[in-house]
Amino acid sequence: MKAQARGVLSKESPFHAIEIERRELQPDDVLIEIQYCGICHSDIHAARGEWGEVRYPFVPGHEITGVVSRVGTQVTKFKPGDRVGVGCMVDSCGECENCRRGDEQYCVQGNIQTYGSVDRYGQYTMGGYSTHIVVKEDFVLRIPDALPLDKAAPLLCAGITTYSPLRHWQAGPGKEVAVIGLGGLGHMAVKLAKAMGAEVTVLSQSLRKKEDGLRLGAKAYHATSDPETFRQLAGRFDLIINTVSAQIPITAYLGLLKTDGALVNVGAPPEPLEVNAFALITQRRTFAGSCIGGIRETQEMLDFCANHGVTPEIETISADEIDAAWERVLKSDVRYRFVIDISTMRK
């Protein structure tokens, strides 16, 4: 079937209205009429070839919410009219140890990304900057009624990317959690850690967003451009979530951890990050990474957000505003996630 989309034609291309092909429904497929799609910084990195070779035209978008339009003959989990979402992956091998454990994001063979991958049918995947998408039912999420579809969209990436490490490293009552950066990921990390019962501190280059950080749930907010911050907070935190996709002095941040503390990277800068081993071994600290979550954990996150009233701060835009929105993302000029109203894409 045909779907309307917005895609780029090269690394430097602006967005164009294009028509794309979605596969015919297989027995275990769900056809989703997309209503909203969030804009993630990853969309920009990928479309501009910063993470590897790209096939054009390229349609990004992996924060997708909408309504089921049709289902395949063997689908049992969904029916037409259901409110659903799709995140960063649409398939995996289903057979490796990680997939069987529910960690499809770490599929040994590599999961199939929502855009920029070749799926099991030989088609190049295209994402949610489009009116429709076809996805295997096992990779479709149910959106609780308590979550508006526009605000639920960024949870499918920004939400699960921060929820997963917070859960894995057991953020909760009695734990001191720091969040580096207050952007699309960072503001969700603050909200989620607060809802889990942790004491939250924001570490940002300046105090420009301090009022926002405290409103979102942080108990403290410090400027990392001030050397006194690193002296004052030395040995303070059980867990630090680094959400920025840029070079930062990791060794200095490791000094803010308690013994056995962990600094977890969820941002993905294209350049290597340098770590001094002594910052790790002298206090048995951990420098780790985390990448989204499996389908089961993502559904758990959506239910948690519905139960605790956790939603992202969003700015809704039309399809014709995507280019301007991308430029604003690069300037950190969004509070805190752009969401495309896909109805503006339909002819």
C-alpha atoms as a PDB file:
ATOM      1  CA  MET A   1       0.000   0.000   0.000  1.00  0.00           C
ATOM      2  CA  LYS A   2       0.998   3.621  -0.483  1.00  0.00           C
ATOM      3  CA  ALA A   3       1.618   6.034   2.361  1.00  0.00           C
ATOM      4  CA  GLN A   4       2.316   9.762   2.382  1.00  0.00           C
ATOM      5  CA  ALA A   5       5.604  10.701   4.049  1.00  0.00           C
ATOM      6  CA  ARG A   6       8.223  13.376   4.594  1.00  0.00           C
ATOM      7  CA  GLY A   7      11.727  12.298   3.651  1.00  0.00           C
ATOM      8  CA  VAL A   8      15.189  13.634   2.812  1.00  0.00           C
ATOM      9  CA  LEU A   9      16.898  12.854  -0.490  1.00  0.00           C
ATOM     10  CA  SER A  10      20.537  13.373   0.605  1.00  0.00           C
ATOM     11  CA  LYS A  11      22.616  14.346   3.630  1.00  0.00           C
ATOM     12  CA  GLU A  12      22.055  18.043   2.937  1.00  0.00           C
ATOM     13  CA  SER A  13      18.495  17.767   1.627  1.00  0.00           C
ATOM     14  CA  PRO A  14      15.516  19.537   3.173  1.00  0.00           C
ATOM     15  CA  PHE A  15      12.364  17.501   3.660  1.00  0.00           C
ATOM     16  CA  HIS A  16      10.180  16.642   0.690  1.00  0.00           C
ATOM     17  CA  ALA A  17       6.655  15.267   0.499  1.00  0.00           C
ATOM     18  CA  ILE A  18       7.069  11.781  -0.955  1.00  0.00           C
ATOM     19  CA  GLU A  19       5.017   8.648  -1.406  1.00  0.00           C
ATOM     20  CA  ILE A  20       6.366   5.389   0.035  1.00  0.00           C
ATOM     21  CA  GLU A  21       5.382   1.749  -0.223  1.00  0.00           C
ATOM     22  CA  ARG A  22       4.303  -0.260   2.820  1.00  0.00           C
ATOM     23  CA  ARG A  23       4.209  -4.043   2.537  1.00  0.00           C
ATOM     24  CA  GLU A  24       0.971  -5.952   2.235  1.00  0.00           C
ATOM     25  CA  LEU A  25      -0.296  -7.249   5.559  1.00  0.00           C
ATOM     26  CA  GLN A  26       1.260 -10.555   6.569  1.00  0.00           C
ATOM     27  CA  PRO A  27      -0.740 -12.853   8.926  1.00  0.00           C
ATOM     28  CA  ASP A  28       1.006 -11.431  12.043  1.00  0.00           C
ATOM     29  CA  ASP A  29       1.083  -7.787  10.896  1.00  0.00           C
ATOM     30  CA  VAL A  30      -0.718  -4.709  12.166  1.00  0.00           C
ATOM     31  CA  LEU A  31      -1.474  -1.716   9.932  1.00  0.00           C
ATOM     32  CA  ILE A  32      -1.318   1.501  11.946  1.00  0.00           C
ATOM     33  CA  GLU A  33      -2.689   4.870  10.908  1.00  0.00           C
ATOM     34  CA  ILE A  34      -0.103   7.180  12.448  1.00  0.00           C
ATOM     35  CA  GLN A  35      -1.367  10.241  14.267  1.00  0.00           C
ATOM     36  CA  TYR A  36       1.773  11.595  15.934  1.00  0.00           C
ATOM     37  CA  CYS A  37       5.518  11.108  15.654  1.00  0.00           C
ATOM     38  CA  GLY A  38       8.169  12.626  17.903  1.00  0.00           C
ATOM     39  CA  ILE A  39      11.421  14.111  16.620  1.00  0.00           C
ATOM     40  CA  CYS A  40      14.521  12.526  18.157  1.00  0.00           C
ATOM     41  CA  HIS A  41      18.092  13.814  17.796  1.00  0.00           C
ATOM     42  CA  SER A  42      18.876  10.310  16.491  1.00  0.00           C
ATOM     43  CA  ASP A  43      16.719  11.101  13.445  1.00  0.00           C
ATOM     44  CA  ILE A  44      19.137  13.891  12.544  1.00  0.00           C
ATOM     45  CA  HIS A  45      22.307  11.871  13.168  1.00  0.00           C
ATOM     46  CA  ALA A  46      20.986   9.015  11.027  1.00  0.00           C
ATOM     47  CA  ALA A  47      19.593  11.085   8.155  1.00  0.00           C
ATOM     48  CA  ARG A  48      22.821  13.036   7.806  1.00  0.00           C
ATOM     49  CA  GLY A  49      24.970   9.926   7.676  1.00  0.00           C
ATOM     50  CA  GLU A  50      26.736  10.597  10.977  1.00  0.00           C
ATOM     51  CA  TRP A  51      26.217   7.023  12.183  1.00  0.00           C
ATOM     52  CA  GLY A  52      26.931   5.205   8.923  1.00  0.00           C
ATOM     53  CA  GLU A  53      25.879   4.853   5.324  1.00  0.00           C
ATOM     54  CA  VAL A  54      22.307   5.864   4.445  1.00  0.00           C
ATOM     55  CA  ARG A  55      20.045   4.862   1.590  1.00  0.00           C
ATOM     56  CA  TYR A  56      17.916   7.701   0.240  1.00  0.00           C
ATOM     57  CA  PRO A  57      15.123   8.660   0.210  1.00  0.00           C
ATOM     58  CA  PHE A  58      15.239   8.416   3.988  1.00  0.00           C
ATOM     59  CA  VAL A  59      12.150   8.670   6.214  1.00  0.00           C
ATOM     60  CA  PRO A  60      12.986   8.970   9.943  1.00  0.00           C
ATOM     61  CA  GLY A  61      10.780   8.694  13.008  1.00  0.00           C
ATOM     62  CA  HIS A  62      10.688   6.110  15.799  1.00  0.00           C
ATOM     63  CA  GLU A  63       8.371   7.730  18.334  1.00  0.00           C
ATOM     64  CA  ILE A  64       5.103   6.685  16.736  1.00  0.00           C
ATOM     65  CA  THR A  65       1.552   6.681  18.061  1.00  0.00           C
ATOM     66  CA  GLY A  66      -1.668   6.032  16.219  1.00  0.00           C
ATOM     67  CA  VAL A  67      -4.662   3.773  15.810  1.00  0.00           C
ATOM     68  CA  VAL A  68      -4.878   0.251  14.415  1.00  0.00           C
ATOM     69  CA  SER A  69      -6.491   0.298  10.974  1.00  0.00           C
ATOM     70  CA  ARG A  70      -6.328  -3.395   9.988  1.00  0.00           C
ATOM     71  CA  VAL A  71      -4.797  -6.598  11.355  1.00  0.00           C
ATOM     72  CA  GLY A  72      -3.499  -9.798   9.799  1.00  0.00           C
ATOM     73  CA  THR A  73      -5.385 -13.078  10.030  1.00  0.00           C
ATOM     74  CA  GLN A  74      -3.270 -14.437  12.910  1.00  0.00           C
ATOM     75  CA  VAL A  75      -3.110 -11.282  15.058  1.00  0.00           C
ATOM     76  CA  THR A  76      -4.525 -11.827  18.555  1.00  0.00           C
ATOM     77  CA  LYS A  77      -3.229  -8.863  20.586  1.00  0.00           C
ATOM     78  CA  PHE A  78      -4.823  -5.974  18.696  1.00  0.00           C
ATOM     79  CA  LYS A  79      -7.960  -5.038  16.809  1.00  0.00           C
ATOM     80  CA  PRO A  80      -8.990  -2.084  14.635  1.00  0.00           C
ATOM     81  CA  GLY A  81      -9.448   1.068  16.703  1.00  0.00           C
ATOM     82  CA  ASP A  82      -6.867   0.196  19.367  1.00  0.00           C
ATOM     83  CA  ARG A  83      -4.510   2.994  20.470  1.00  0.00           C
ATOM     84  CA  VAL A  84      -0.965   1.802  19.817  1.00  0.00           C
ATOM     85  CA  GLY A  85       2.648   2.841  19.495  1.00  0.00           C
ATOM     86  CA  VAL A  86       5.863   1.781  17.780  1.00  0.00           C
ATOM     87  CA  GLY A  87       9.336   2.575  19.058  1.00  0.00           C
ATOM     88  CA  CYS A  88      12.871   2.185  17.745  1.00  0.00           C
ATOM     89  CA  MET A  89      12.655  -1.401  16.469  1.00  0.00           C
ATOM     90  CA  VAL A  90      10.174  -3.418  14.469  1.00  0.00           C
ATOM     91  CA  ASP A  91      11.663  -6.941  14.532  1.00  0.00           C
ATOM     92  CA  SER A  92      14.464  -9.147  15.852  1.00  0.00           C
ATOM     93  CA  CYS A  93      15.589 -12.737  15.413  1.00  0.00           C
ATOM     94  CA  GLY A  94      13.363 -13.901  18.306  1.00  0.00           C
ATOM     95  CA  GLU A  95      15.630 -16.881  18.931  1.00  0.00           C
ATOM     96  CA  CYS A  96      18.863 -15.693  20.589  1.00  0.00           C
ATOM     97  CA  GLU A  97      19.314 -15.626  24.352  1.00  0.00           C
ATOM     98  CA  ASN A  98      18.671 -11.893  24.557  1.00  0.00           C
ATOM     99  CA  CYS A  99      15.468 -12.037  22.503  1.00  0.00           C
ATOM    100  CA  ARG A 100      14.127 -14.958  24.533  1.00  0.00           C
ATOM    101  CA  ARG A 101      14.844 -12.977  27.703  1.00  0.00           C
ATOM    102  CA  GLY A 102      12.858  -9.998  26.418  1.00  0.00           C
ATOM    103  CA  ASP A 103      15.893  -7.867  25.543  1.00  0.00           C
ATOM    104  CA  GLU A 104      15.207  -7.619  21.824  1.00  0.00           C
ATOM    105  CA  GLN A 105      17.119  -4.337  21.732  1.00  0.00           C
ATOM    106  CA  TYR A 106      20.280  -6.390  22.262  1.00  0.00           C
ATOM    107  CA  CYS A 107      19.442  -9.080  19.694  1.00  0.00           C
ATOM    108  CA  VAL A 108      22.678 -10.922  18.915  1.00  0.00           C
ATOM    109  CA  GLN A 109      21.945 -10.807  15.186  1.00  0.00           C
ATOM    110  CA  GLY A 110      20.906  -7.164  15.438  1.00  0.00           C
ATOM    111  CA  ASN A 111      17.346  -5.925  15.713  1.00  0.00           C
ATOM    112  CA  ILE A 112      15.520  -4.382  12.748  1.00  0.00           C
ATOM    113  CA  GLN A 113      15.313  -0.650  13.291  1.00  0.00           C
ATOM    114  CA  THR A 114      12.135   1.274  12.522  1.00  0.00           C
ATOM    115  CA  TYR A 115      14.051   3.157   9.862  1.00  0.00           C
ATOM    116  CA  GLY A 116      17.317   2.567   8.035  1.00  0.00           C
ATOM    117  CA  SER A 117      17.335  -1.253   8.255  1.00  0.00           C
ATOM    118  CA  VAL A 118      16.566  -4.032   5.817  1.00  0.00           C
ATOM    119  CA  ASP A 119      13.721  -6.168   7.169  1.00  0.00           C
ATOM    120  CA  ARG A 120      13.120  -9.900   6.761  1.00  0.00           C
ATOM    121  CA  TYR A 121      11.143  -9.202   3.581  1.00  0.00           C
ATOM    122  CA  GLY A 122      14.091  -7.421   1.976  1.00  0.00           C
ATOM    123  CA  GLN A 123      12.495  -3.976   2.290  1.00  0.00           C
ATOM    124  CA  TYR A 124      14.342  -0.895   3.524  1.00  0.00           C
ATOM    125  CA  THR A 125      12.511   0.299   6.628  1.00  0.00           C
ATOM    126  CA  MET A 126      11.071   3.799   6.703  1.00  0.00           C
ATOM    127  CA  GLY A 127       9.874   5.457   9.855  1.00  0.00           C
ATOM    128  CA  GLY A 128       7.061   7.420  11.371  1.00  0.00           C
ATOM    129  CA  TYR A 129       7.264  10.710   9.481  1.00  0.00           C
ATOM    130  CA  SER A 130       4.494   9.081   7.450  1.00  0.00           C
ATOM    131  CA  THR A 131       0.777   8.413   7.484  1.00  0.00           C
ATOM    132  CA  HIS A 132       0.858   4.609   7.874  1.00  0.00           C
ATOM    133  CA  ILE A 133       3.181   1.835   8.983  1.00  0.00           C
ATOM    134  CA  VAL A 134       2.972  -1.975   8.962  1.00  0.00           C
ATOM    135  CA  VAL A 135       4.568  -3.733  11.958  1.00  0.00           C
ATOM    136  CA  LYS A 136       4.603  -7.254  13.389  1.00  0.00           C
ATOM    137  CA  GLU A 137       2.178  -7.417  16.313  1.00  0.00           C
ATOM    138  CA  ASP A 138       4.958  -8.490  18.702  1.00  0.00           C
ATOM    139  CA  PHE A 139       6.616  -5.080  18.223  1.00  0.00           C
ATOM    140  CA  VAL A 140       3.478  -2.980  18.695  1.00  0.00           C
ATOM    141  CA  LEU A 141       2.800  -1.361  22.088  1.00  0.00           C
ATOM    142  CA  ARG A 142      -0.553  -0.653  23.670  1.00  0.00           C
ATOM    143  CA  ILE A 143      -1.012   2.994  24.691  1.00  0.00           C
ATOM    144  CA  PRO A 144      -2.951   3.277  27.973  1.00  0.00           C
ATOM    145  CA  ASP A 145      -6.060   5.434  27.833  1.00  0.00           C
ATOM    146  CA  ALA A 146      -4.579   7.793  30.440  1.00  0.00           C
ATOM    147  CA  LEU A 147      -1.849   8.871  27.993  1.00  0.00           C
ATOM    148  CA  PRO A 148      -2.776  11.331  25.210  1.00  0.00           C
ATOM    149  CA  LEU A 149      -1.384  10.057  21.906  1.00  0.00           C
ATOM    150  CA  ASP A 150       0.619  13.232  21.232  1.00  0.00           C
ATOM    151  CA  LYS A 151       2.373  13.115  24.612  1.00  0.00           C
ATOM    152  CA  ALA A 152       2.803   9.355  24.489  1.00  0.00           C
ATOM    153  CA  ALA A 153       4.863   9.535  21.282  1.00  0.00           C
ATOM    154  CA  PRO A 154       8.213  10.622  22.822  1.00  0.00           C
ATOM    155  CA  LEU A 155       7.890   7.919  25.463  1.00  0.00           C
ATOM    156  CA  LEU A 156       8.620   5.344  22.725  1.00  0.00           C
ATOM    157  CA  CYS A 157      12.252   6.527  22.593  1.00  0.00           C
ATOM    158  CA  ALA A 158      13.087   9.275  25.094  1.00  0.00           C
ATOM    159  CA  GLY A 159      10.934   7.604  27.737  1.00  0.00           C
ATOM    160  CA  ILE A 160      12.215   4.044  27.440  1.00  0.00           C
ATOM    161  CA  THR A 161      15.829   5.146  26.840  1.00  0.00           C
ATOM    162  CA  THR A 162      15.887   6.718  30.292  1.00  0.00           C
ATOM    163  CA  TYR A 163      13.466   4.359  32.063  1.00  0.00           C
ATOM    164  CA  SER A 164      15.502   1.245  31.221  1.00  0.00           C
ATOM    165  CA  PRO A 165      18.769   2.270  32.944  1.00  0.00           C
ATOM    166  CA  LEU A 166      16.899   3.795  35.881  1.00  0.00           C
ATOM    167  CA  ARG A 167      15.182   0.443  36.449  1.00  0.00           C
ATOM    168  CA  HIS A 168      18.254  -1.669  35.747  1.00  0.00           C
ATOM    169  CA  TRP A 169      20.420   0.289  38.198  1.00  0.00           C
ATOM    170  CA  GLN A 170      17.544   0.384  40.705  1.00  0.00           C
ATOM    171  CA  ALA A 171      16.758   4.072  41.039  1.00  0.00           C
ATOM    172  CA  GLY A 172      14.305   4.512  43.876  1.00  0.00           C
ATOM    173  CA  PRO A 173      13.854   5.690  47.455  1.00  0.00           C
ATOM    174  CA  GLY A 174      17.145   6.356  49.190  1.00  0.00           C
ATOM    175  CA  LYS A 175      19.081   6.692  45.919  1.00  0.00           C
ATOM    176  CA  GLU A 176      20.788   9.865  44.703  1.00  0.00           C
ATOM    177  CA  VAL A 177      20.457  10.176  40.920  1.00  0.00           C
ATOM    178  CA  ALA A 178      22.074  12.835  38.734  1.00  0.00           C
ATOM    179  CA  VAL A 179      21.011  13.612  35.169  1.00  0.00           C
ATOM    180  CA  ILE A 180      23.516  15.210  32.798  1.00  0.00           C
ATOM    181  CA  GLY A 181      21.697  17.499  30.387  1.00  0.00           C
ATOM    182  CA  LEU A 182      18.099  18.739  30.436  1.00  0.00           C
ATOM    183  CA  GLY A 183      16.927  18.088  26.899  1.00  0.00           C
ATOM    184  CA  GLY A 184      14.547  15.592  25.317  1.00  0.00           C
ATOM    185  CA  LEU A 185      16.109  12.643  27.147  1.00  0.00           C
ATOM    186  CA  GLY A 186      17.181  14.522  30.255  1.00  0.00           C
ATOM    187  CA  HIS A 187      13.811  15.973  31.137  1.00  0.00           C
ATOM    188  CA  MET A 188      12.287  12.484  30.917  1.00  0.00           C
ATOM    189  CA  ALA A 189      15.053  11.065  33.130  1.00  0.00           C
ATOM    190  CA  VAL A 190      14.259  13.694  35.763  1.00  0.00           C
ATOM    191  CA  LYS A 191      10.526  12.993  35.680  1.00  0.00           C
ATOM    192  CA  LEU A 192      10.939   9.213  35.764  1.00  0.00           C
ATOM    193  CA  ALA A 193      13.591   9.127  38.493  1.00  0.00           C
ATOM    194  CA  LYS A 194      11.431  11.418  40.622  1.00  0.00           C
ATOM    195  CA  ALA A 195       8.383   9.185  40.065  1.00  0.00           C
ATOM    196  CA  MET A 196      10.463   6.173  41.123  1.00  0.00           C
ATOM    197  CA  GLY A 197      11.201   7.880  44.431  1.00  0.00           C
ATOM    198  CA  ALA A 198      14.841   8.892  43.895  1.00  0.00           C
ATOM    199  CA  GLU A 199      16.402  12.228  44.847  1.00  0.00           C
ATOM    200  CA  VAL A 200      17.268  13.913  41.549  1.00  0.00           C
ATOM    201  CA  THR A 201      19.932  16.466  40.658  1.00  0.00           C
ATOM    202  CA  VAL A 202      20.400  18.044  37.217  1.00  0.00           C
ATOM    203  CA  LEU A 203      23.928  18.731  35.942  1.00  0.00           C
ATOM    204  CA  SER A 204      23.852  21.216  33.058  1.00  0.00           C
ATOM    205  CA  GLN A 205      26.364  23.558  31.443  1.00  0.00           C
ATOM    206  CA  SER A 206      24.545  26.600  32.774  1.00  0.00           C
ATOM    207  CA  LEU A 207      21.687  27.506  35.095  1.00  0.00           C
ATOM    208  CA  ARG A 208      19.546  28.664  32.156  1.00  0.00           C
ATOM    209  CA  LYS A 209      17.000  25.875  32.635  1.00  0.00           C
ATOM    210  CA  LYS A 210      17.189  25.688  36.428  1.00  0.00           C
ATOM    211  CA  GLU A 211      13.595  26.777  36.961  1.00  0.00           C
ATOM    212  CA  ASP A 212      12.395  24.070  34.567  1.00  0.00           C
ATOM    213  CA  GLY A 213      14.552  21.392  36.170  1.00  0.00           C
ATOM    214  CA  LEU A 214      13.177  22.075  39.630  1.00  0.00           C
ATOM    215  CA  ARG A 215       9.621  22.194  38.285  1.00  0.00           C
ATOM    216  CA  LEU A 216      10.072  18.834  36.577  1.00  0.00           C
ATOM    217  CA  GLY A 217      11.135  17.147  39.807  1.00  0.00           C
ATOM    218  CA  ALA A 218      14.805  17.832  40.529  1.00  0.00           C
ATOM    219  CA  LYS A 219      15.726  18.786  44.083  1.00  0.00           C
ATOM    220  CA  ALA A 220      18.941  20.508  42.946  1.00  0.00           C
ATOM    221  CA  TYR A 221      20.427  21.984  39.774  1.00  0.00           C
ATOM    222  CA  HIS A 222      24.124  22.702  39.219  1.00  0.00           C
ATOM    223  CA  ALA A 223      26.150  24.332  36.443  1.00  0.00           C
ATOM    224  CA  THR A 224      28.991  22.114  35.244  1.00  0.00           C
ATOM    225  CA  SER A 225      30.773  25.146  33.788  1.00  0.00           C
ATOM    226  CA  ASP A 226      31.553  26.069  37.420  1.00  0.00           C
ATOM    227  CA  PRO A 227      34.555  24.024  38.714  1.00  0.00           C
ATOM    228  CA  GLU A 228      33.131  24.319  42.228  1.00  0.00           C
ATOM    229  CA  THR A 229      30.305  21.991  41.194  1.00  0.00           C
ATOM    230  CA  PHE A 230      32.704  19.044  40.878  1.00  0.00           C
ATOM    231  CA  ARG A 231      34.303  19.787  44.255  1.00  0.00           C
ATOM    232  CA  GLN A 232      30.978  20.288  46.012  1.00  0.00           C
ATOM    233  CA  LEU A 233      29.347  17.130  44.631  1.00  0.00           C
ATOM    234  CA  ALA A 234      32.327  14.750  44.778  1.00  0.00           C
ATOM    235  CA  GLY A 235      31.280  11.232  45.822  1.00  0.00           C
ATOM    236  CA  ARG A 236      27.583  12.204  46.024  1.00  0.00           C
ATOM    237  CA  PHE A 237      25.634  10.005  43.578  1.00  0.00           C
ATOM    238  CA  ASP A 238      24.603   6.372  43.318  1.00  0.00           C
ATOM    239  CA  LEU A 239      23.720   6.738  39.634  1.00  0.00           C
ATOM    240  CA  ILE A 240      24.413   9.292  36.921  1.00  0.00           C
ATOM    241  CA  ILE A 241      22.516   9.199  33.623  1.00  0.00           C
ATOM    242  CA  ASN A 242      24.383  10.997  30.826  1.00  0.00           C
ATOM    243  CA  THR A 243      21.869  12.086  28.198  1.00  0.00           C
ATOM    244  CA  VAL A 244      24.018  14.384  26.051  1.00  0.00           C
ATOM    245  CA  SER A 245      25.260  13.389  22.599  1.00  0.00           C
ATOM    246  CA  ALA A 246      28.484  15.367  22.798  1.00  0.00           C
ATOM    247  CA  GLN A 247      31.986  15.167  24.225  1.00  0.00           C
ATOM    248  CA  ILE A 248      32.086  15.696  27.998  1.00  0.00           C
ATOM    249  CA  PRO A 249      34.895  15.054  30.540  1.00  0.00           C
ATOM    250  CA  ILE A 250      33.716  11.618  31.682  1.00  0.00           C
ATOM    251  CA  THR A 251      36.527  11.249  34.223  1.00  0.00           C
ATOM    252  CA  ALA A 252      35.421  14.400  36.048  1.00  0.00           C
ATOM    253  CA  TYR A 253      31.832  13.105  36.222  1.00  0.00           C
ATOM    254  CA  LEU A 254      32.991   9.705  37.502  1.00  0.00           C
ATOM    255  CA  GLY A 255      34.401  11.564  40.507  1.00  0.00           C
ATOM    256  CA  LEU A 256      30.831  12.497  41.474  1.00  0.00           C
ATOM    257  CA  LEU A 257      29.922   8.833  42.092  1.00  0.00           C
ATOM    258  CA  LYS A 258      29.905   7.046  45.406  1.00  0.00           C
ATOM    259  CA  THR A 259      31.761   3.773  45.825  1.00  0.00           C
ATOM    260  CA  ASP A 260      29.999   1.218  43.572  1.00  0.00           C
ATOM    261  CA  GLY A 261      28.208   4.010  41.741  1.00  0.00           C
ATOM    262  CA  ALA A 262      27.471   3.856  38.011  1.00  0.00           C
ATOM    263  CA  LEU A 263      27.615   6.445  35.241  1.00  0.00           C
ATOM    264  CA  VAL A 264      25.403   5.253  32.397  1.00  0.00           C
ATOM    265  CA  ASN A 265      25.674   6.732  28.912  1.00  0.00           C
ATOM    266  CA  VAL A 266      22.453   6.946  26.904  1.00  0.00           C
ATOM    267  CA  GLY A 267      23.558   9.818  24.679  1.00  0.00           C
ATOM    268  CA  ALA A 268      25.444   8.721  21.568  1.00  0.00           C
ATOM    269  CA  PRO A 269      28.131  11.180  20.443  1.00  0.00           C
ATOM    270  CA  PRO A 270      29.858  10.235  17.195  1.00  0.00           C
ATOM    271  CA  GLU A 271      33.311  10.747  18.763  1.00  0.00           C
ATOM    272  CA  PRO A 272      34.930   8.406  21.354  1.00  0.00           C
ATOM    273  CA  LEU A 273      34.699   9.316  25.045  1.00  0.00           C
ATOM    274  CA  GLU A 274      37.936   9.247  27.067  1.00  0.00           C
ATOM    275  CA  VAL A 275      38.007   7.600  30.517  1.00  0.00           C
ATOM    276  CA  ASN A 276      40.832   7.550  33.070  1.00  0.00           C
ATOM    277  CA  ALA A 277      40.917   4.023  34.539  1.00  0.00           C
ATOM    278  CA  PHE A 278      41.889   5.320  37.990  1.00  0.00           C
ATOM    279  CA  ALA A 279      38.529   7.115  38.247  1.00  0.00           C
ATOM    280  CA  LEU A 280      36.923   3.654  38.029  1.00  0.00           C
ATOM    281  CA  ILE A 281      39.222   1.355  39.980  1.00  0.00           C
ATOM    282  CA  THR A 282      39.806   3.520  43.039  1.00  0.00           C
ATOM    283  CA  GLN A 283      36.124   3.374  44.082  1.00  0.00           C
ATOM    284  CA  ARG A 284      34.868   0.317  42.145  1.00  0.00           C
ATOM    285  CA  ARG A 285      32.818   2.568  39.930  1.00  0.00           C
ATOM    286  CA  THR A 286      31.142   1.556  36.680  1.00  0.00           C
ATOM    287  CA  PHE A 287      30.994   3.363  33.346  1.00  0.00           C
ATOM    288  CA  ALA A 288      28.224   1.717  31.342  1.00  0.00           C
ATOM    289  CA  GLY A 289      25.902   2.173  28.401  1.00  0.00           C
ATOM    290  CA  SER A 290      22.217   1.481  27.845  1.00  0.00           C
ATOM    291  CA  CYS A 291      20.065   1.397  24.704  1.00  0.00           C
ATOM    292  CA  ILE A 292      16.247   1.694  24.824  1.00  0.00           C
ATOM    293  CA  GLY A 293      14.447  -1.359  26.273  1.00  0.00           C
ATOM    294  CA  GLY A 294      12.769  -4.539  25.147  1.00  0.00           C
ATOM    295  CA  ILE A 295       9.109  -4.686  24.177  1.00  0.00           C
ATOM    296  CA  ARG A 296       8.014  -6.014  27.566  1.00  0.00           C
ATOM    297  CA  GLU A 297       9.929  -3.297  29.424  1.00  0.00           C
ATOM    298  CA  THR A 298       8.634  -0.612  27.062  1.00  0.00           C
ATOM    299  CA  GLN A 299       5.054  -1.653  27.812  1.00  0.00           C
ATOM    300  CA  GLU A 300       5.924  -1.592  31.522  1.00  0.00           C
ATOM    301  CA  MET A 301       7.237   1.953  31.077  1.00  0.00           C
ATOM    302  CA  LEU A 302       4.057   3.100  29.325  1.00  0.00           C
ATOM    303  CA  ASP A 303       1.921   1.635  32.092  1.00  0.00           C
ATOM    304  CA  PHE A 304       4.180   3.231  34.736  1.00  0.00           C
ATOM    305  CA  CYS A 305       3.846   6.633  33.077  1.00  0.00           C
ATOM    306  CA  ALA A 306       0.060   6.264  32.884  1.00  0.00           C
ATOM    307  CA  ASN A 307      -0.148   5.267  36.545  1.00  0.00           C
ATOM    308  CA  HIS A 308       2.132   8.078  37.753  1.00  0.00           C
ATOM    309  CA  GLY A 309       1.020  10.864  35.422  1.00  0.00           C
ATOM    310  CA  VAL A 310       4.429  11.117  33.732  1.00  0.00           C
ATOM    311  CA  THR A 311       4.372  12.676  30.259  1.00  0.00           C
ATOM    312  CA  PRO A 312       6.948  14.641  28.251  1.00  0.00           C
ATOM    313  CA  GLU A 313       6.862  18.371  27.666  1.00  0.00           C
ATOM    314  CA  ILE A 314       6.061  18.730  23.972  1.00  0.00           C
ATOM    315  CA  GLU A 315       5.693  21.292  21.195  1.00  0.00           C
ATOM    316  CA  THR A 316       3.395  20.093  18.403  1.00  0.00           C
ATOM    317  CA  ILE A 317       4.303  21.072  14.845  1.00  0.00           C
ATOM    318  CA  SER A 318       2.981  20.506  11.328  1.00  0.00           C
ATOM    319  CA  ALA A 319       4.741  18.430   8.670  1.00  0.00           C
ATOM    320  CA  ASP A 320       5.827  21.637   6.926  1.00  0.00           C
ATOM    321  CA  GLU A 321       7.748  22.733  10.032  1.00  0.00           C
ATOM    322  CA  ILE A 322      10.091  19.720  10.305  1.00  0.00           C
ATOM    323  CA  ASP A 323      13.123  21.446   8.747  1.00  0.00           C
ATOM    324  CA  ALA A 324      12.833  24.384  11.137  1.00  0.00           C
ATOM    325  CA  ALA A 325      12.304  22.018  14.058  1.00  0.00           C
ATOM    326  CA  TRP A 326      15.495  20.095  13.215  1.00  0.00           C
ATOM    327  CA  GLU A 327      17.490  23.330  13.210  1.00  0.00           C
ATOM    328  CA  ARG A 328      16.037  24.225  16.586  1.00  0.00           C
ATOM    329  CA  VAL A 329      16.918  20.779  17.957  1.00  0.00           C
ATOM    330  CA  LEU A 330      20.534  21.357  16.937  1.00  0.00           C
ATOM    331  CA  LYS A 331      20.452  24.685  18.812  1.00  0.00           C
ATOM    332  CA  SER A 332      18.817  23.085  21.894  1.00  0.00           C
ATOM    333  CA  ASP A 333      15.894  25.428  21.277  1.00  0.00           C
ATOM    334  CA  VAL A 334      13.016  23.151  22.262  1.00  0.00           C
ATOM    335  CA  ARG A 335      11.315  22.569  25.604  1.00  0.00           C
ATOM    336  CA  TYR A 336      11.561  19.582  25.337  1.00  0.00           C
ATOM    337  CA  ARG A 337      10.363  17.411  22.457  1.00  0.00           C
ATOM    338  CA  PHE A 338       8.887  18.239  19.069  1.00  0.00           C
ATOM    339  CA  VAL A 339       5.948  16.082  17.990  1.00  0.00           C
ATOM    340  CA  ILE A 340       4.666  16.080  14.408  1.00  0.00           C
ATOM    341  CA  ASP A 341       0.907  16.137  13.899  1.00  0.00           C
ATOM    342  CA  ILE A 342       0.686  13.597  11.084  1.00  0.00           C
ATOM    343  CA  SER A 343      -2.796  14.756  10.086  1.00  0.00           C
ATOM    344  CA  THR A 344      -1.016  17.708   8.440  1.00  0.00           C
ATOM    345  CA  MET A 345       0.699  15.218   6.107  1.00  0.00           C
ATOM    346  CA  ARG A 346      -2.439  13.695   4.669  1.00  0.00           C
ATOM    347  CA  LYS A 347      -3.717  14.870   1.308  1.00  0.00           C
END
